[in-house]
Amino acid sequence: MAVSFESGRKLARGFILASMLVAGPASALAPEHEIKRLMLATEEAVATERWGEAGEYLNRLQAIEGKKPADYFFYRGRVMFQAAQLNEAQAALEAYVKQAGAEGAHYQEALGLITDVEKARAAKAAAPKTPNGETAKIAVIEPAGDQSMASLRQLYLTDTDREALTIHLNSLLDVAGWRADRAVVKLDRPADVEYRVDTAESTISIQEIRRSPDGRVVRKTSQMPVFGINPLVEWGCESAASSCWVYDPRDGSRLFQLSYNRDQAQDIAQTLGRLIRNLQAPNGS
């Protein structure tokens, strides 16, 4: 199941070509029949390792309104893994396991693929970086310059960039909390998963707050030393899980689980990257 990241980039580019080959006029079939047709086409494409075609069929499936079968997430996970899109692959495979359960036809294979994703992510984090060897990322936010720091300091009435960035990151996290029930959002009801950050010298302290349906609250605090880590912070969203994630720049694991809002996830990833860079600077303030 191993996949190289160079071949992953080629596969991702191949999806574009495949879209021109398999895309045709809109189907006259009812959605439930079109879903079954495209699932059969996806299964055949995956079986013969025509990954570009499989990716296009899956994209067309995603655009169809209606409930998708559990196998849709399994095949999406396989195709994303082949394209070296590790974050999306893991989210899709976990969605399959959750929906299909242990009785699913691909249950064992999905668990194995999730392990392969973790191994690939660890290898990616450990591999030396060269100018021509960077792995393509789904969504990477490069820390912005300091041109807006003055306005942030003025907005939050602070004297230092570090304090302004910390307050700003917490403000963004406050409105991006994850809720199990997206249909009901009450201003006086906190999210099911929330985060708070604080800084001390070269470390970011992250508190995760999880609320269970019975009202119990579990708080967990972890420390992120910033020296030696890349301030380029990845993020991604997966509609199947109704979540966006900001990923830990140390190992690519999930750091923040957020509501399904791409703009919010992007802002949080960008601000976290700027805060990391500020803490790494010898004269950071």
C-alpha atoms as a PDB file:
ATOM      1  CA  MET A   1       0.000   0.000   0.000  1.00  0.00           C
ATOM      2  CA  ALA A   2       3.043   2.241   0.047  1.00  0.00           C
ATOM      3  CA  VAL A   3       2.910   5.363  -2.054  1.00  0.00           C
ATOM      4  CA  SER A   4       5.648   7.871  -2.823  1.00  0.00           C
ATOM      5  CA  PHE A   5       4.882  11.562  -2.562  1.00  0.00           C
ATOM      6  CA  GLU A   6       6.345  12.216  -6.026  1.00  0.00           C
ATOM      7  CA  SER A   7       3.929   9.693  -7.514  1.00  0.00           C
ATOM      8  CA  GLY A   8       1.225  11.271  -5.372  1.00  0.00           C
ATOM      9  CA  ARG A   9       1.798  14.616  -7.046  1.00  0.00           C
ATOM     10  CA  LYS A  10       1.577  12.962 -10.455  1.00  0.00           C
ATOM     11  CA  LEU A  11      -1.666  11.257  -9.461  1.00  0.00           C
ATOM     12  CA  ALA A  12      -3.147  14.518  -8.241  1.00  0.00           C
ATOM     13  CA  ARG A  13      -2.320  16.104 -11.590  1.00  0.00           C
ATOM     14  CA  GLY A  14      -3.766  13.035 -13.271  1.00  0.00           C
ATOM     15  CA  PHE A  15      -7.136  13.717 -11.688  1.00  0.00           C
ATOM     16  CA  ILE A  16      -7.456  16.805 -13.861  1.00  0.00           C
ATOM     17  CA  LEU A  17      -6.762  14.854 -17.037  1.00  0.00           C
ATOM     18  CA  ALA A  18      -9.129  12.088 -15.964  1.00  0.00           C
ATOM     19  CA  SER A  19     -11.908  14.614 -15.461  1.00  0.00           C
ATOM     20  CA  MET A  20     -11.682  15.512 -19.145  1.00  0.00           C
ATOM     21  CA  LEU A  21     -11.766  11.846 -20.122  1.00  0.00           C
ATOM     22  CA  VAL A  22     -14.702  10.632 -18.031  1.00  0.00           C
ATOM     23  CA  ALA A  23     -16.799  13.766 -17.623  1.00  0.00           C
ATOM     24  CA  GLY A  24     -19.740  13.814 -19.972  1.00  0.00           C
ATOM     25  CA  PRO A  25     -23.225  15.243 -20.239  1.00  0.00           C
ATOM     26  CA  ALA A  26     -25.325  15.329 -17.115  1.00  0.00           C
ATOM     27  CA  SER A  27     -26.972  11.988 -16.395  1.00  0.00           C
ATOM     28  CA  ALA A  28     -30.745  11.629 -16.734  1.00  0.00           C
ATOM     29  CA  LEU A  29     -30.767   9.006 -13.983  1.00  0.00           C
ATOM     30  CA  ALA A  30     -32.386   9.741 -10.631  1.00  0.00           C
ATOM     31  CA  PRO A  31     -29.808  10.538  -7.922  1.00  0.00           C
ATOM     32  CA  GLU A  32     -30.088   7.145  -6.205  1.00  0.00           C
ATOM     33  CA  HIS A  33     -29.397   5.329  -9.490  1.00  0.00           C
ATOM     34  CA  GLU A  34     -26.608   7.721 -10.504  1.00  0.00           C
ATOM     35  CA  ILE A  35     -24.929   7.144  -7.127  1.00  0.00           C
ATOM     36  CA  LYS A  36     -24.998   3.378  -7.692  1.00  0.00           C
ATOM     37  CA  ARG A  37     -23.682   3.779 -11.258  1.00  0.00           C
ATOM     38  CA  LEU A  38     -20.778   5.968 -10.187  1.00  0.00           C
ATOM     39  CA  MET A  39     -19.984   3.672  -7.259  1.00  0.00           C
ATOM     40  CA  LEU A  40     -19.689   0.735  -9.669  1.00  0.00           C
ATOM     41  CA  ALA A  41     -17.435   2.815 -11.933  1.00  0.00           C
ATOM     42  CA  THR A  42     -15.304   3.843  -8.944  1.00  0.00           C
ATOM     43  CA  GLU A  43     -14.959   0.251  -7.739  1.00  0.00           C
ATOM     44  CA  GLU A  44     -13.861  -0.899 -11.191  1.00  0.00           C
ATOM     45  CA  ALA A  45     -11.383   1.981 -11.572  1.00  0.00           C
ATOM     46  CA  VAL A  46      -9.825   1.270  -8.166  1.00  0.00           C
ATOM     47  CA  ALA A  47      -9.636  -2.478  -8.874  1.00  0.00           C
ATOM     48  CA  THR A  48      -7.620  -1.765 -12.028  1.00  0.00           C
ATOM     49  CA  GLU A  49      -5.623   1.037 -10.352  1.00  0.00           C
ATOM     50  CA  ARG A  50      -6.913   3.776 -12.655  1.00  0.00           C
ATOM     51  CA  TRP A  51      -6.624   6.267  -9.828  1.00  0.00           C
ATOM     52  CA  GLY A  52      -7.273   9.406 -11.853  1.00  0.00           C
ATOM     53  CA  GLU A  53     -10.589   8.086 -13.144  1.00  0.00           C
ATOM     54  CA  ALA A  54     -11.538   6.880  -9.671  1.00  0.00           C
ATOM     55  CA  GLY A  55     -10.852  10.346  -8.283  1.00  0.00           C
ATOM     56  CA  GLU A  56     -13.097  11.968 -10.865  1.00  0.00           C
ATOM     57  CA  TYR A  57     -15.935   9.537 -10.219  1.00  0.00           C
ATOM     58  CA  LEU A  58     -15.637  10.270  -6.514  1.00  0.00           C
ATOM     59  CA  ASN A  59     -15.709  14.014  -7.159  1.00  0.00           C
ATOM     60  CA  ARG A  60     -18.918  13.594  -9.149  1.00  0.00           C
ATOM     61  CA  LEU A  61     -20.381  11.462  -6.372  1.00  0.00           C
ATOM     62  CA  GLN A  62     -19.557  14.146  -3.841  1.00  0.00           C
ATOM     63  CA  ALA A  63     -21.514  16.712  -5.874  1.00  0.00           C
ATOM     64  CA  ILE A  64     -24.692  14.607  -5.893  1.00  0.00           C
ATOM     65  CA  GLU A  65     -27.202  15.345  -3.169  1.00  0.00           C
ATOM     66  CA  GLY A  66     -28.282  12.277  -1.280  1.00  0.00           C
ATOM     67  CA  LYS A  67     -26.869   9.772   1.178  1.00  0.00           C
ATOM     68  CA  LYS A  68     -23.671   8.113   0.029  1.00  0.00           C
ATOM     69  CA  PRO A  69     -22.966   4.451   0.826  1.00  0.00           C
ATOM     70  CA  ALA A  70     -20.237   3.704   3.330  1.00  0.00           C
ATOM     71  CA  ASP A  71     -18.031   2.298   0.557  1.00  0.00           C
ATOM     72  CA  TYR A  72     -17.845   5.801  -0.938  1.00  0.00           C
ATOM     73  CA  PHE A  73     -15.673   6.879   2.001  1.00  0.00           C
ATOM     74  CA  PHE A  74     -13.506   3.757   1.755  1.00  0.00           C
ATOM     75  CA  TYR A  75     -12.732   4.336  -1.914  1.00  0.00           C
ATOM     76  CA  ARG A  76     -12.220   8.042  -1.328  1.00  0.00           C
ATOM     77  CA  GLY A  77      -9.709   7.173   1.375  1.00  0.00           C
ATOM     78  CA  ARG A  78      -7.852   4.798  -0.941  1.00  0.00           C
ATOM     79  CA  VAL A  79      -7.668   7.311  -3.765  1.00  0.00           C
ATOM     80  CA  MET A  80      -6.585  10.154  -1.485  1.00  0.00           C
ATOM     81  CA  PHE A  81      -3.867   7.951  -0.032  1.00  0.00           C
ATOM     82  CA  GLN A  82      -2.572   7.115  -3.489  1.00  0.00           C
ATOM     83  CA  ALA A  83      -2.461  10.855  -4.226  1.00  0.00           C
ATOM     84  CA  ALA A  84      -0.463  11.397  -0.991  1.00  0.00           C
ATOM     85  CA  GLN A  85      -3.310  13.502   0.442  1.00  0.00           C
ATOM     86  CA  LEU A  86      -2.844  11.998   3.881  1.00  0.00           C
ATOM     87  CA  ASN A  87      -5.166  14.217   5.886  1.00  0.00           C
ATOM     88  CA  GLU A  88      -8.134  13.706   3.574  1.00  0.00           C
ATOM     89  CA  ALA A  89      -7.365   9.995   3.316  1.00  0.00           C
ATOM     90  CA  GLN A  90      -7.446   9.538   7.075  1.00  0.00           C
ATOM     91  CA  ALA A  91     -10.678  11.508   7.468  1.00  0.00           C
ATOM     92  CA  ALA A  92     -12.423   9.474   4.753  1.00  0.00           C
ATOM     93  CA  LEU A  93     -11.233   6.121   6.090  1.00  0.00           C
ATOM     94  CA  GLU A  94     -12.301   7.016   9.618  1.00  0.00           C
ATOM     95  CA  ALA A  95     -15.701   8.037   8.257  1.00  0.00           C
ATOM     96  CA  TYR A  96     -15.983   4.609   6.598  1.00  0.00           C
ATOM     97  CA  VAL A  97     -15.111   2.747   9.804  1.00  0.00           C
ATOM     98  CA  LYS A  98     -17.585   4.826  11.777  1.00  0.00           C
ATOM     99  CA  GLN A  99     -20.400   4.303   9.282  1.00  0.00           C
ATOM    100  CA  ALA A 100     -19.778   0.669   8.269  1.00  0.00           C
ATOM    101  CA  GLY A 101     -18.517  -0.671  11.585  1.00  0.00           C
ATOM    102  CA  ALA A 102     -16.786  -4.014  12.069  1.00  0.00           C
ATOM    103  CA  GLU A 103     -19.275  -5.685   9.724  1.00  0.00           C
ATOM    104  CA  GLY A 104     -18.182  -3.561   6.779  1.00  0.00           C
ATOM    105  CA  ALA A 105     -16.771  -5.439   3.792  1.00  0.00           C
ATOM    106  CA  HIS A 106     -13.601  -3.310   3.841  1.00  0.00           C
ATOM    107  CA  TYR A 107     -13.285  -2.923   7.615  1.00  0.00           C
ATOM    108  CA  GLN A 108      -9.950  -4.723   8.020  1.00  0.00           C
ATOM    109  CA  GLU A 109      -8.442  -3.089   4.961  1.00  0.00           C
ATOM    110  CA  ALA A 110      -9.591   0.357   6.121  1.00  0.00           C
ATOM    111  CA  LEU A 111      -7.895  -0.132   9.501  1.00  0.00           C
ATOM    112  CA  GLY A 112      -4.716  -1.194   7.730  1.00  0.00           C
ATOM    113  CA  LEU A 113      -4.852   1.853   5.475  1.00  0.00           C
ATOM    114  CA  ILE A 114      -5.257   4.170   8.461  1.00  0.00           C
ATOM    115  CA  THR A 115      -2.074   2.637   9.895  1.00  0.00           C
ATOM    116  CA  ASP A 116      -0.345   3.130   6.531  1.00  0.00           C
ATOM    117  CA  VAL A 117      -1.420   6.789   6.546  1.00  0.00           C
ATOM    118  CA  GLU A 118       0.141   7.244   9.992  1.00  0.00           C
ATOM    119  CA  LYS A 119       3.373   5.598   8.838  1.00  0.00           C
ATOM    120  CA  ALA A 120       3.498   7.772   5.712  1.00  0.00           C
ATOM    121  CA  ARG A 121       2.916  10.886   7.792  1.00  0.00           C
ATOM    122  CA  ALA A 122       5.708   9.910  10.203  1.00  0.00           C
ATOM    123  CA  ALA A 123       8.076   9.240   7.297  1.00  0.00           C
ATOM    124  CA  LYS A 124       7.175  12.584   5.757  1.00  0.00           C
ATOM    125  CA  ALA A 125       7.891  14.400   9.018  1.00  0.00           C
ATOM    126  CA  ALA A 126      11.234  12.619   9.478  1.00  0.00           C
ATOM    127  CA  ALA A 127      12.441  12.992   5.889  1.00  0.00           C
ATOM    128  CA  PRO A 128      15.037  15.714   5.222  1.00  0.00           C
ATOM    129  CA  LYS A 129      13.659  18.622   3.252  1.00  0.00           C
ATOM    130  CA  THR A 130      15.373  19.737   0.045  1.00  0.00           C
ATOM    131  CA  PRO A 131      14.416  22.543  -2.358  1.00  0.00           C
ATOM    132  CA  ASN A 132      13.133  19.992  -4.876  1.00  0.00           C
ATOM    133  CA  GLY A 133      11.855  17.438  -2.400  1.00  0.00           C
ATOM    134  CA  GLU A 134       9.005  19.221  -0.700  1.00  0.00           C
ATOM    135  CA  THR A 135       5.797  17.228  -0.554  1.00  0.00           C
ATOM    136  CA  ALA A 136       2.695  18.849  -2.023  1.00  0.00           C
ATOM    137  CA  LYS A 137       0.229  19.872   0.657  1.00  0.00           C
ATOM    138  CA  ILE A 138      -3.559  20.112   0.509  1.00  0.00           C
ATOM    139  CA  ALA A 139      -3.858  23.414   2.290  1.00  0.00           C
ATOM    140  CA  VAL A 140      -0.814  25.155   3.681  1.00  0.00           C
ATOM    141  CA  ILE A 141      -0.835  28.628   5.100  1.00  0.00           C
ATOM    142  CA  GLU A 142       2.455  30.450   5.068  1.00  0.00           C
ATOM    143  CA  PRO A 143       2.737  32.844   7.979  1.00  0.00           C
ATOM    144  CA  ALA A 144       1.964  36.331   6.815  1.00  0.00           C
ATOM    145  CA  GLY A 145       4.329  39.238   7.272  1.00  0.00           C
ATOM    146  CA  ASP A 146       4.236  41.728  10.096  1.00  0.00           C
ATOM    147  CA  GLN A 147       2.451  44.394   8.103  1.00  0.00           C
ATOM    148  CA  SER A 148      -0.800  43.930  10.075  1.00  0.00           C
ATOM    149  CA  MET A 149       0.725  43.570  13.533  1.00  0.00           C
ATOM    150  CA  ALA A 150       0.302  47.246  14.346  1.00  0.00           C
ATOM    151  CA  SER A 151      -3.418  47.009  13.652  1.00  0.00           C
ATOM    152  CA  LEU A 152      -3.690  43.854  15.772  1.00  0.00           C
ATOM    153  CA  ARG A 153      -1.908  45.531  18.688  1.00  0.00           C
ATOM    154  CA  GLN A 154      -4.240  48.493  18.366  1.00  0.00           C
ATOM    155  CA  LEU A 155      -7.310  46.264  18.119  1.00  0.00           C
ATOM    156  CA  TYR A 156      -6.490  44.348  21.306  1.00  0.00           C
ATOM    157  CA  LEU A 157      -4.842  47.259  23.130  1.00  0.00           C
ATOM    158  CA  THR A 158      -1.588  45.362  23.696  1.00  0.00           C
ATOM    159  CA  ASP A 159       2.053  46.412  23.599  1.00  0.00           C
ATOM    160  CA  THR A 160       3.545  43.259  22.069  1.00  0.00           C
ATOM    161  CA  ASP A 161       3.005  41.285  18.894  1.00  0.00           C
ATOM    162  CA  ARG A 162       3.048  38.035  20.866  1.00  0.00           C
ATOM    163  CA  GLU A 163       0.210  39.074  23.128  1.00  0.00           C
ATOM    164  CA  ALA A 164      -1.814  40.418  20.198  1.00  0.00           C
ATOM    165  CA  LEU A 165      -1.383  37.164  18.263  1.00  0.00           C
ATOM    166  CA  THR A 166      -2.319  35.061  21.300  1.00  0.00           C
ATOM    167  CA  ILE A 167      -5.488  37.045  21.944  1.00  0.00           C
ATOM    168  CA  HIS A 168      -6.373  36.993  18.258  1.00  0.00           C
ATOM    169  CA  LEU A 169      -5.890  33.219  18.007  1.00  0.00           C
ATOM    170  CA  ASN A 170      -8.116  32.670  21.046  1.00  0.00           C
ATOM    171  CA  SER A 171     -10.760  34.960  19.561  1.00  0.00           C
ATOM    172  CA  LEU A 172     -10.773  32.903  16.364  1.00  0.00           C
ATOM    173  CA  LEU A 173     -10.942  29.638  18.318  1.00  0.00           C
ATOM    174  CA  ASP A 174     -13.869  30.955  20.368  1.00  0.00           C
ATOM    175  CA  VAL A 175     -16.125  31.130  17.313  1.00  0.00           C
ATOM    176  CA  ALA A 176     -14.834  27.974  15.597  1.00  0.00           C
ATOM    177  CA  GLY A 177     -15.685  25.406  18.259  1.00  0.00           C
ATOM    178  CA  TRP A 178     -16.864  22.012  17.008  1.00  0.00           C
ATOM    179  CA  ARG A 179     -20.443  20.905  17.676  1.00  0.00           C
ATOM    180  CA  ALA A 180     -21.881  17.447  17.162  1.00  0.00           C
ATOM    181  CA  ASP A 181     -25.197  19.023  16.165  1.00  0.00           C
ATOM    182  CA  ARG A 182     -24.472  21.666  13.540  1.00  0.00           C
ATOM    183  CA  ALA A 183     -28.172  22.431  13.111  1.00  0.00           C
ATOM    184  CA  VAL A 184     -28.483  23.945  16.588  1.00  0.00           C
ATOM    185  CA  VAL A 185     -26.032  26.696  17.510  1.00  0.00           C
ATOM    186  CA  LYS A 186     -26.942  28.740  20.558  1.00  0.00           C
ATOM    187  CA  LEU A 187     -24.865  31.674  21.655  1.00  0.00           C
ATOM    188  CA  ASP A 188     -25.353  30.769  25.315  1.00  0.00           C
ATOM    189  CA  ARG A 189     -24.404  27.126  24.758  1.00  0.00           C
ATOM    190  CA  PRO A 190     -20.674  26.354  24.474  1.00  0.00           C
ATOM    191  CA  ALA A 191     -19.318  24.116  21.746  1.00  0.00           C
ATOM    192  CA  ASP A 192     -18.645  20.436  22.359  1.00  0.00           C
ATOM    193  CA  VAL A 193     -14.926  20.903  21.614  1.00  0.00           C
ATOM    194  CA  GLU A 194     -13.061  24.151  22.312  1.00  0.00           C
ATOM    195  CA  TYR A 195      -9.452  25.267  22.642  1.00  0.00           C
ATOM    196  CA  ARG A 196      -7.501  27.963  24.461  1.00  0.00           C
ATOM    197  CA  VAL A 197      -3.844  28.824  23.937  1.00  0.00           C
ATOM    198  CA  ASP A 198      -1.250  30.641  26.006  1.00  0.00           C
ATOM    199  CA  THR A 199       2.450  31.294  25.544  1.00  0.00           C
ATOM    200  CA  ALA A 200       5.486  31.212  27.785  1.00  0.00           C
ATOM    201  CA  GLU A 201       8.922  31.961  26.328  1.00  0.00           C
ATOM    202  CA  SER A 202       9.393  29.336  23.576  1.00  0.00           C
ATOM    203  CA  THR A 203       6.333  27.198  24.275  1.00  0.00           C
ATOM    204  CA  ILE A 204       2.674  27.306  23.290  1.00  0.00           C
ATOM    205  CA  SER A 205       0.312  25.849  25.871  1.00  0.00           C
ATOM    206  CA  ILE A 206      -2.864  24.354  24.371  1.00  0.00           C
ATOM    207  CA  GLN A 207      -5.901  23.503  26.463  1.00  0.00           C
ATOM    208  CA  GLU A 208      -8.547  21.265  24.905  1.00  0.00           C
ATOM    209  CA  ILE A 209     -12.023  21.388  26.450  1.00  0.00           C
ATOM    210  CA  ARG A 210     -14.459  18.573  25.588  1.00  0.00           C
ATOM    211  CA  ARG A 211     -18.068  18.477  26.750  1.00  0.00           C
ATOM    212  CA  SER A 212     -20.033  15.223  26.700  1.00  0.00           C
ATOM    213  CA  PRO A 213     -23.820  15.039  26.169  1.00  0.00           C
ATOM    214  CA  ASP A 214     -24.336  14.347  29.884  1.00  0.00           C
ATOM    215  CA  GLY A 215     -22.686  17.636  30.812  1.00  0.00           C
ATOM    216  CA  ARG A 216     -19.278  16.368  31.872  1.00  0.00           C
ATOM    217  CA  VAL A 217     -16.308  18.546  30.967  1.00  0.00           C
ATOM    218  CA  VAL A 218     -12.831  17.138  30.340  1.00  0.00           C
ATOM    219  CA  ARG A 219      -9.896  19.524  30.106  1.00  0.00           C
ATOM    220  CA  LYS A 220      -6.520  18.434  28.736  1.00  0.00           C
ATOM    221  CA  THR A 221      -3.458  20.648  28.447  1.00  0.00           C
ATOM    222  CA  SER A 222      -0.443  19.969  26.247  1.00  0.00           C
ATOM    223  CA  GLN A 223       2.754  21.878  25.544  1.00  0.00           C
ATOM    224  CA  MET A 224       4.216  22.670  22.117  1.00  0.00           C
ATOM    225  CA  PRO A 225       7.876  23.777  22.197  1.00  0.00           C
ATOM    226  CA  VAL A 226       8.334  25.824  19.036  1.00  0.00           C
ATOM    227  CA  PHE A 227      12.056  25.501  18.340  1.00  0.00           C
ATOM    228  CA  GLY A 228      12.836  23.212  15.439  1.00  0.00           C
ATOM    229  CA  ILE A 229       9.307  23.043  14.022  1.00  0.00           C
ATOM    230  CA  ASN A 230       8.071  24.452  10.746  1.00  0.00           C
ATOM    231  CA  PRO A 231       5.771  27.497  11.058  1.00  0.00           C
ATOM    232  CA  LEU A 232       3.953  26.385   7.889  1.00  0.00           C
ATOM    233  CA  VAL A 233       0.706  25.032   9.351  1.00  0.00           C
ATOM    234  CA  GLU A 234      -1.514  22.653   7.404  1.00  0.00           C
ATOM    235  CA  TRP A 235      -5.283  22.610   7.621  1.00  0.00           C
ATOM    236  CA  GLY A 236      -8.059  20.686   5.916  1.00  0.00           C
ATOM    237  CA  CYS A 237     -11.817  20.158   5.955  1.00  0.00           C
ATOM    238  CA  GLU A 238     -13.822  16.965   5.449  1.00  0.00           C
ATOM    239  CA  SER A 239     -17.561  17.177   4.870  1.00  0.00           C
ATOM    240  CA  ALA A 240     -18.024  13.506   5.778  1.00  0.00           C
ATOM    241  CA  ALA A 241     -16.868  14.261   9.322  1.00  0.00           C
ATOM    242  CA  SER A 242     -18.484  17.733   9.423  1.00  0.00           C
ATOM    243  CA  SER A 243     -15.157  19.040  10.675  1.00  0.00           C
ATOM    244  CA  CYS A 244     -12.118  21.068   9.777  1.00  0.00           C
ATOM    245  CA  TRP A 245      -8.739  20.371  11.320  1.00  0.00           C
ATOM    246  CA  VAL A 246      -5.580  22.303  11.929  1.00  0.00           C
ATOM    247  CA  TYR A 247      -2.642  19.905  11.970  1.00  0.00           C
ATOM    248  CA  ASP A 248       0.284  19.796  14.369  1.00  0.00           C
ATOM    249  CA  PRO A 249       3.376  21.092  12.520  1.00  0.00           C
ATOM    250  CA  ARG A 250       5.553  18.688  14.518  1.00  0.00           C
ATOM    251  CA  ASP A 251       4.144  15.427  13.146  1.00  0.00           C
ATOM    252  CA  GLY A 252       1.045  16.199  11.057  1.00  0.00           C
ATOM    253  CA  SER A 253      -1.398  14.795  13.614  1.00  0.00           C
ATOM    254  CA  ARG A 254      -4.677  16.573  14.341  1.00  0.00           C
ATOM    255  CA  LEU A 255      -4.231  19.488  16.683  1.00  0.00           C
ATOM    256  CA  PHE A 256      -7.536  21.425  16.554  1.00  0.00           C
ATOM    257  CA  GLN A 257     -10.914  19.950  15.614  1.00  0.00           C
ATOM    258  CA  LEU A 258     -13.046  22.828  14.362  1.00  0.00           C
ATOM    259  CA  SER A 259     -16.479  23.498  12.935  1.00  0.00           C
ATOM    260  CA  TYR A 260     -16.886  22.969   9.196  1.00  0.00           C
ATOM    261  CA  ASN A 261     -15.858  26.423   8.013  1.00  0.00           C
ATOM    262  CA  ARG A 262     -12.905  26.668   5.658  1.00  0.00           C
ATOM    263  CA  ASP A 263     -12.336  30.400   6.180  1.00  0.00           C
ATOM    264  CA  GLN A 264     -12.153  29.991   9.949  1.00  0.00           C
ATOM    265  CA  ALA A 265      -9.773  27.032   9.686  1.00  0.00           C
ATOM    266  CA  GLN A 266      -7.541  29.003   7.333  1.00  0.00           C
ATOM    267  CA  ASP A 267      -7.441  32.032   9.642  1.00  0.00           C
ATOM    268  CA  ILE A 268      -6.614  29.866  12.664  1.00  0.00           C
ATOM    269  CA  ALA A 269      -3.826  28.011  10.825  1.00  0.00           C
ATOM    270  CA  GLN A 270      -2.355  31.301   9.616  1.00  0.00           C
ATOM    271  CA  THR A 271      -2.443  32.917  13.039  1.00  0.00           C
ATOM    272  CA  LEU A 272      -0.929  29.856  14.716  1.00  0.00           C
ATOM    273  CA  GLY A 273       1.893  29.949  12.168  1.00  0.00           C
ATOM    274  CA  ARG A 274       2.544  33.616  12.868  1.00  0.00           C
ATOM    275  CA  LEU A 275       2.587  32.964  16.610  1.00  0.00           C
ATOM    276  CA  ILE A 276       5.068  30.104  16.177  1.00  0.00           C
ATOM    277  CA  ARG A 277       7.325  32.280  14.061  1.00  0.00           C
ATOM    278  CA  ASN A 278       7.148  35.088  16.627  1.00  0.00           C
ATOM    279  CA  LEU A 279       8.169  32.750  19.444  1.00  0.00           C
ATOM    280  CA  GLN A 280      11.035  31.369  17.349  1.00  0.00           C
ATOM    281  CA  ALA A 281      12.489  34.810  16.701  1.00  0.00           C
ATOM    282  CA  PRO A 282      15.314  35.717  19.102  1.00  0.00           C
ATOM    283  CA  ASN A 283      13.947  39.236  19.403  1.00  0.00           C
ATOM    284  CA  GLY A 284      10.282  38.240  19.322  1.00  0.00           C
ATOM    285  CA  SER A 285       8.101  40.459  21.458  1.00  0.00           C
END
